[in-house]
Amino acid sequence: MNKAAKIVSFDDESLVLVNSNDEITGYANKDVAHDGKGLLHRAFSLFIFNSSGDLLLQQRGIDKRLWGGFWSNSVCSHPRQGESLEIATQRRLQEELGFSCKLKYLYKFEYKASYGRLGSENELCSVLIGKYDGRIKANKTEINDWRWVSPEQLEKELLSQSDNFTPWFKMEWQELTQKWTKSLNHCIEEKELKHG
């Protein structure tokens, strides 16, 4: 793996606080937004597939405050204050994995998950999918490891090693495989569109 060492996440970056209708209610530093039970804020999860239908998983950086070292979807992050979802998702793809690709928005959902006394996720999360077959340049300050996994193998791991995965990823994967199979298949079959 070729890993860049650039720091791209900051505790004081300003996140967008919202209500359950996705209406902006204010802004808060990332650290504050994740304290205690958390403040509801915008987030996104990206699921990147290759032409074989494998999903790109990342193992979160060991030093991350919440769920460090856990396996999760390709990218999960937040739009910053004044940043659109489109800009934020492409920025984060480049920062974490070193590439861009066409993304398709599927749905959004609200969830809460606590990580002991270290804090909580309290997010209104948009889920998007994309396709990419090129080179991965993972950022080691964000990602401890990464791999492509077939849906069949992933299902086995989720049954036998569920505790190794982030809670939001497990919720999202269940939703994707139960309600969005046509979109997933279309994404995999579609000709790849690279942005860089």
C-alpha atoms as a PDB file:
ATOM      1  CA  MET A   1       0.000   0.000   0.000  1.00  0.00           C
ATOM      2  CA  ASN A   2       1.195   3.458  -0.850  1.00  0.00           C
ATOM      3  CA  LYS A   3       0.173   5.710   2.024  1.00  0.00           C
ATOM      4  CA  ALA A   4       0.422   9.464   2.266  1.00  0.00           C
ATOM      5  CA  ALA A   5       0.928  10.945   5.735  1.00  0.00           C
ATOM      6  CA  LYS A   6      -0.972  14.213   5.371  1.00  0.00           C
ATOM      7  CA  ILE A   7      -3.130  15.235   8.349  1.00  0.00           C
ATOM      8  CA  VAL A   8      -6.617  16.009   7.023  1.00  0.00           C
ATOM      9  CA  SER A   9      -8.860  15.789  10.124  1.00  0.00           C
ATOM     10  CA  PHE A  10      -8.978  18.389  12.875  1.00  0.00           C
ATOM     11  CA  ASP A  11     -10.878  18.498  16.172  1.00  0.00           C
ATOM     12  CA  ASP A  12     -11.723  22.168  15.622  1.00  0.00           C
ATOM     13  CA  GLU A  13     -13.212  21.847  12.126  1.00  0.00           C
ATOM     14  CA  SER A  14     -16.730  23.287  12.119  1.00  0.00           C
ATOM     15  CA  LEU A  15     -19.513  20.733  11.514  1.00  0.00           C
ATOM     16  CA  VAL A  16     -23.099  21.462  10.497  1.00  0.00           C
ATOM     17  CA  LEU A  17     -25.670  20.898  13.246  1.00  0.00           C
ATOM     18  CA  VAL A  18     -29.172  20.006  12.021  1.00  0.00           C
ATOM     19  CA  ASN A  19     -32.565  18.822  13.189  1.00  0.00           C
ATOM     20  CA  SER A  20     -34.219  15.604  12.008  1.00  0.00           C
ATOM     21  CA  ASN A  21     -35.535  17.447   8.918  1.00  0.00           C
ATOM     22  CA  ASP A  22     -31.959  18.351   7.913  1.00  0.00           C
ATOM     23  CA  GLU A  23     -32.529  22.026   8.687  1.00  0.00           C
ATOM     24  CA  ILE A  24     -29.412  23.814   9.926  1.00  0.00           C
ATOM     25  CA  THR A  25     -29.595  24.695  13.618  1.00  0.00           C
ATOM     26  CA  GLY A  26     -26.016  25.887  14.085  1.00  0.00           C
ATOM     27  CA  TYR A  27     -22.392  24.809  13.973  1.00  0.00           C
ATOM     28  CA  ALA A  28     -19.986  23.129  16.380  1.00  0.00           C
ATOM     29  CA  ASN A  29     -16.388  21.969  16.443  1.00  0.00           C
ATOM     30  CA  LYS A  30     -16.039  18.279  15.607  1.00  0.00           C
ATOM     31  CA  ASP A  31     -14.762  17.525  19.100  1.00  0.00           C
ATOM     32  CA  VAL A  32     -17.769  19.181  20.750  1.00  0.00           C
ATOM     33  CA  ALA A  33     -20.244  17.555  18.341  1.00  0.00           C
ATOM     34  CA  HIS A  34     -19.057  14.117  19.485  1.00  0.00           C
ATOM     35  CA  ASP A  35     -18.875  14.759  23.236  1.00  0.00           C
ATOM     36  CA  GLY A  36     -21.268  12.944  25.583  1.00  0.00           C
ATOM     37  CA  LYS A  37     -24.392  11.872  23.703  1.00  0.00           C
ATOM     38  CA  GLY A  38     -23.370  14.000  20.730  1.00  0.00           C
ATOM     39  CA  LEU A  39     -25.053  16.832  18.855  1.00  0.00           C
ATOM     40  CA  LEU A  40     -27.028  15.892  15.732  1.00  0.00           C
ATOM     41  CA  HIS A  41     -24.909  16.839  12.712  1.00  0.00           C
ATOM     42  CA  ARG A  42     -24.595  16.104   8.995  1.00  0.00           C
ATOM     43  CA  ALA A  43     -22.422  13.210   7.916  1.00  0.00           C
ATOM     44  CA  PHE A  44     -21.946  10.936   4.919  1.00  0.00           C
ATOM     45  CA  SER A  45     -20.943   7.355   4.174  1.00  0.00           C
ATOM     46  CA  LEU A  46     -19.473   6.277   0.832  1.00  0.00           C
ATOM     47  CA  PHE A  47     -19.574   2.734  -0.511  1.00  0.00           C
ATOM     48  CA  ILE A  48     -17.113   2.234  -3.381  1.00  0.00           C
ATOM     49  CA  PHE A  49     -17.335  -0.938  -5.483  1.00  0.00           C
ATOM     50  CA  ASN A  50     -15.090  -2.296  -8.236  1.00  0.00           C
ATOM     51  CA  SER A  51     -16.090  -3.998 -11.488  1.00  0.00           C
ATOM     52  CA  SER A  52     -16.112  -7.393  -9.772  1.00  0.00           C
ATOM     53  CA  GLY A  53     -18.720  -6.183  -7.284  1.00  0.00           C
ATOM     54  CA  ASP A  54     -16.283  -6.110  -4.359  1.00  0.00           C
ATOM     55  CA  LEU A  55     -16.661  -3.394  -1.726  1.00  0.00           C
ATOM     56  CA  LEU A  56     -13.726  -1.274  -0.599  1.00  0.00           C
ATOM     57  CA  LEU A  57     -13.467  -1.465   3.193  1.00  0.00           C
ATOM     58  CA  GLN A  58     -11.207   0.618   5.381  1.00  0.00           C
ATOM     59  CA  GLN A  59      -9.913  -0.086   8.855  1.00  0.00           C
ATOM     60  CA  ARG A  60     -10.146   3.194  10.720  1.00  0.00           C
ATOM     61  CA  GLY A  61      -6.971   4.716  12.086  1.00  0.00           C
ATOM     62  CA  ILE A  62      -5.999   3.253  15.454  1.00  0.00           C
ATOM     63  CA  ASP A  63      -5.727   6.712  17.020  1.00  0.00           C
ATOM     64  CA  LYS A  64      -9.240   7.856  16.088  1.00  0.00           C
ATOM     65  CA  ARG A  65     -11.279   8.904  19.102  1.00  0.00           C
ATOM     66  CA  LEU A  66     -14.328   6.835  18.134  1.00  0.00           C
ATOM     67  CA  TRP A  67     -14.084   3.262  16.817  1.00  0.00           C
ATOM     68  CA  GLY A  68     -10.361   3.433  16.081  1.00  0.00           C
ATOM     69  CA  GLY A  69      -9.163   0.192  14.464  1.00  0.00           C
ATOM     70  CA  PHE A  70     -12.666  -0.938  13.463  1.00  0.00           C
ATOM     71  CA  TRP A  71     -13.530  -1.915   9.892  1.00  0.00           C
ATOM     72  CA  SER A  72     -16.013   0.307   8.097  1.00  0.00           C
ATOM     73  CA  ASN A  73     -17.252   1.438   4.706  1.00  0.00           C
ATOM     74  CA  SER A  74     -14.977   3.048   2.120  1.00  0.00           C
ATOM     75  CA  VAL A  75     -15.223   6.583   3.544  1.00  0.00           C
ATOM     76  CA  CYS A  76     -17.240   8.129   6.366  1.00  0.00           C
ATOM     77  CA  SER A  77     -16.933  11.786   7.289  1.00  0.00           C
ATOM     78  CA  HIS A  78     -18.725  15.153   7.573  1.00  0.00           C
ATOM     79  CA  PRO A  79     -19.412  18.192   5.414  1.00  0.00           C
ATOM     80  CA  ARG A  80     -17.800  21.237   6.982  1.00  0.00           C
ATOM     81  CA  GLN A  81     -19.516  24.567   7.563  1.00  0.00           C
ATOM     82  CA  GLY A  82     -20.352  26.141   4.187  1.00  0.00           C
ATOM     83  CA  GLU A  83     -19.520  22.964   2.242  1.00  0.00           C
ATOM     84  CA  SER A  84     -21.971  21.115  -0.010  1.00  0.00           C
ATOM     85  CA  LEU A  85     -22.349  17.341   0.132  1.00  0.00           C
ATOM     86  CA  GLU A  86     -20.871  17.033  -3.375  1.00  0.00           C
ATOM     87  CA  ILE A  87     -17.754  19.023  -2.485  1.00  0.00           C
ATOM     88  CA  ALA A  88     -17.329  17.287   0.878  1.00  0.00           C
ATOM     89  CA  THR A  89     -17.555  13.747  -0.515  1.00  0.00           C
ATOM     90  CA  GLN A  90     -15.050  14.394  -3.312  1.00  0.00           C
ATOM     91  CA  ARG A  91     -12.696  16.175  -0.913  1.00  0.00           C
ATOM     92  CA  ARG A  92     -12.771  13.252   1.475  1.00  0.00           C
ATOM     93  CA  LEU A  93     -12.262  10.632  -1.238  1.00  0.00           C
ATOM     94  CA  GLN A  94      -9.086  12.454  -2.270  1.00  0.00           C
ATOM     95  CA  GLU A  95      -7.907  13.040   1.303  1.00  0.00           C
ATOM     96  CA  GLU A  96      -8.408   9.464   2.502  1.00  0.00           C
ATOM     97  CA  LEU A  97      -7.980   7.282  -0.594  1.00  0.00           C
ATOM     98  CA  GLY A  98      -6.260   9.478  -3.184  1.00  0.00           C
ATOM     99  CA  PHE A  99      -8.879   9.298  -5.930  1.00  0.00           C
ATOM    100  CA  SER A 100     -12.209  10.703  -7.101  1.00  0.00           C
ATOM    101  CA  CYS A 101     -15.112   8.921  -8.766  1.00  0.00           C
ATOM    102  CA  LYS A 102     -18.706   9.556  -9.730  1.00  0.00           C
ATOM    103  CA  LEU A 103     -21.055   9.140  -6.749  1.00  0.00           C
ATOM    104  CA  LYS A 104     -24.778   8.416  -6.591  1.00  0.00           C
ATOM    105  CA  TYR A 105     -26.854   9.542  -3.603  1.00  0.00           C
ATOM    106  CA  LEU A 106     -29.205   6.846  -2.273  1.00  0.00           C
ATOM    107  CA  TYR A 107     -30.733   7.888   1.042  1.00  0.00           C
ATOM    108  CA  LYS A 108     -30.138   9.499   4.433  1.00  0.00           C
ATOM    109  CA  PHE A 109     -30.896   8.254   7.920  1.00  0.00           C
ATOM    110  CA  GLU A 110     -30.509   9.354  11.508  1.00  0.00           C
ATOM    111  CA  TYR A 111     -28.697   7.238  14.071  1.00  0.00           C
ATOM    112  CA  LYS A 112     -26.971   7.400  17.448  1.00  0.00           C
ATOM    113  CA  ALA A 113     -24.136   5.207  18.686  1.00  0.00           C
ATOM    114  CA  SER A 114     -22.097   5.634  21.879  1.00  0.00           C
ATOM    115  CA  TYR A 115     -18.488   4.543  22.281  1.00  0.00           C
ATOM    116  CA  GLY A 116     -18.191   4.155  26.018  1.00  0.00           C
ATOM    117  CA  ARG A 117     -17.066   7.330  27.773  1.00  0.00           C
ATOM    118  CA  LEU A 118     -15.134   8.585  24.752  1.00  0.00           C
ATOM    119  CA  GLY A 119     -18.156  10.088  23.006  1.00  0.00           C
ATOM    120  CA  SER A 120     -20.923   9.355  20.537  1.00  0.00           C
ATOM    121  CA  GLU A 121     -21.991   9.571  16.942  1.00  0.00           C
ATOM    122  CA  ASN A 122     -25.279  11.445  16.547  1.00  0.00           C
ATOM    123  CA  GLU A 123     -25.639  11.880  12.823  1.00  0.00           C
ATOM    124  CA  LEU A 124     -27.989  12.547   9.960  1.00  0.00           C
ATOM    125  CA  CYS A 125     -26.007  10.528   7.465  1.00  0.00           C
ATOM    126  CA  SER A 126     -26.254  10.577   3.662  1.00  0.00           C
ATOM    127  CA  VAL A 127     -25.312   7.303   1.954  1.00  0.00           C
ATOM    128  CA  LEU A 128     -23.746   7.334  -1.518  1.00  0.00           C
ATOM    129  CA  ILE A 129     -22.293   4.675  -3.799  1.00  0.00           C
ATOM    130  CA  GLY A 130     -19.634   4.766  -6.492  1.00  0.00           C
ATOM    131  CA  LYS A 131     -17.413   2.618  -8.681  1.00  0.00           C
ATOM    132  CA  TYR A 132     -13.627   2.655  -8.987  1.00  0.00           C
ATOM    133  CA  ASP A 133     -11.038   0.238 -10.355  1.00  0.00           C
ATOM    134  CA  GLY A 134      -7.868   2.269 -10.108  1.00  0.00           C
ATOM    135  CA  ARG A 135      -5.020   2.766  -7.686  1.00  0.00           C
ATOM    136  CA  ILE A 136      -5.639   3.340  -3.970  1.00  0.00           C
ATOM    137  CA  LYS A 137      -3.363   5.800  -2.142  1.00  0.00           C
ATOM    138  CA  ALA A 138      -4.578   5.437   1.445  1.00  0.00           C
ATOM    139  CA  ASN A 139      -3.752   8.164   3.956  1.00  0.00           C
ATOM    140  CA  LYS A 140      -2.152   6.483   6.970  1.00  0.00           C
ATOM    141  CA  THR A 141      -3.276   9.253   9.339  1.00  0.00           C
ATOM    142  CA  GLU A 142      -6.885   8.224   8.617  1.00  0.00           C
ATOM    143  CA  ILE A 143      -6.714   4.588   7.538  1.00  0.00           C
ATOM    144  CA  ASN A 144      -4.857   1.765   9.257  1.00  0.00           C
ATOM    145  CA  ASP A 145      -5.573  -0.740   6.467  1.00  0.00           C
ATOM    146  CA  TRP A 146      -7.906  -1.329   3.516  1.00  0.00           C
ATOM    147  CA  ARG A 147      -9.115  -4.199   1.357  1.00  0.00           C
ATOM    148  CA  TRP A 148     -11.625  -5.236  -1.288  1.00  0.00           C
ATOM    149  CA  VAL A 149     -14.171  -7.790  -0.084  1.00  0.00           C
ATOM    150  CA  SER A 150     -16.930  -9.657  -1.892  1.00  0.00           C
ATOM    151  CA  PRO A 151     -20.485  -9.237  -0.559  1.00  0.00           C
ATOM    152  CA  GLU A 152     -20.563 -12.962   0.212  1.00  0.00           C
ATOM    153  CA  GLN A 153     -17.371 -12.832   2.277  1.00  0.00           C
ATOM    154  CA  LEU A 154     -18.535  -9.672   3.996  1.00  0.00           C
ATOM    155  CA  GLU A 155     -21.796 -11.321   5.027  1.00  0.00           C
ATOM    156  CA  LYS A 156     -19.811 -14.194   6.596  1.00  0.00           C
ATOM    157  CA  GLU A 157     -17.598 -11.768   8.504  1.00  0.00           C
ATOM    158  CA  LEU A 158     -20.562  -9.756   9.738  1.00  0.00           C
ATOM    159  CA  LEU A 159     -22.034 -12.959  11.164  1.00  0.00           C
ATOM    160  CA  SER A 160     -18.858 -14.288  12.758  1.00  0.00           C
ATOM    161  CA  GLN A 161     -16.933 -11.082  13.565  1.00  0.00           C
ATOM    162  CA  SER A 162     -19.639  -8.437  13.916  1.00  0.00           C
ATOM    163  CA  ASP A 163     -17.806  -6.634  16.740  1.00  0.00           C
ATOM    164  CA  ASN A 164     -14.955  -5.761  14.346  1.00  0.00           C
ATOM    165  CA  PHE A 165     -17.185  -3.374  12.345  1.00  0.00           C
ATOM    166  CA  THR A 166     -18.521   0.107  13.084  1.00  0.00           C
ATOM    167  CA  PRO A 167     -22.202   0.301  14.078  1.00  0.00           C
ATOM    168  CA  TRP A 168     -23.184   2.675  11.263  1.00  0.00           C
ATOM    169  CA  PHE A 169     -21.590   0.440   8.641  1.00  0.00           C
ATOM    170  CA  LYS A 170     -23.626  -2.555   9.806  1.00  0.00           C
ATOM    171  CA  MET A 171     -26.860  -0.536   9.645  1.00  0.00           C
ATOM    172  CA  GLU A 172     -26.028   0.851   6.211  1.00  0.00           C
ATOM    173  CA  TRP A 173     -24.974  -2.479   4.727  1.00  0.00           C
ATOM    174  CA  GLN A 174     -28.225  -4.091   5.850  1.00  0.00           C
ATOM    175  CA  GLU A 175     -30.225  -1.262   4.264  1.00  0.00           C
ATOM    176  CA  LEU A 176     -28.225  -1.395   1.021  1.00  0.00           C
ATOM    177  CA  THR A 177     -28.581  -5.133   0.578  1.00  0.00           C
ATOM    178  CA  GLN A 178     -32.277  -5.211   1.473  1.00  0.00           C
ATOM    179  CA  LYS A 179     -33.586  -2.129  -0.331  1.00  0.00           C
ATOM    180  CA  TRP A 180     -31.024  -0.910  -2.861  1.00  0.00           C
ATOM    181  CA  THR A 181     -29.825  -4.001  -4.761  1.00  0.00           C
ATOM    182  CA  LYS A 182     -30.900  -2.618  -8.153  1.00  0.00           C
ATOM    183  CA  SER A 183     -28.912   0.571  -7.562  1.00  0.00           C
ATOM    184  CA  LEU A 184     -25.890  -1.441  -6.427  1.00  0.00           C
ATOM    185  CA  ASN A 185     -26.033  -3.697  -9.482  1.00  0.00           C
ATOM    186  CA  HIS A 186     -26.435  -0.732 -11.814  1.00  0.00           C
ATOM    187  CA  CYS A 187     -23.464   1.012 -10.200  1.00  0.00           C
ATOM    188  CA  ILE A 188     -21.238  -2.053 -10.657  1.00  0.00           C
ATOM    189  CA  GLU A 189     -22.312  -2.575 -14.274  1.00  0.00           C
ATOM    190  CA  GLU A 190     -21.996   1.091 -15.236  1.00  0.00           C
ATOM    191  CA  LYS A 191     -18.883   2.240 -17.036  1.00  0.00           C
ATOM    192  CA  GLU A 192     -16.498   3.790 -14.524  1.00  0.00           C
ATOM    193  CA  LEU A 193     -16.211   7.577 -14.598  1.00  0.00           C
ATOM    194  CA  LYS A 194     -12.979   8.816 -13.064  1.00  0.00           C
ATOM    195  CA  HIS A 195     -12.503  12.371 -11.832  1.00  0.00           C
ATOM    196  CA  GLY A 196      -8.807  12.040 -11.148  1.00  0.00           C
END
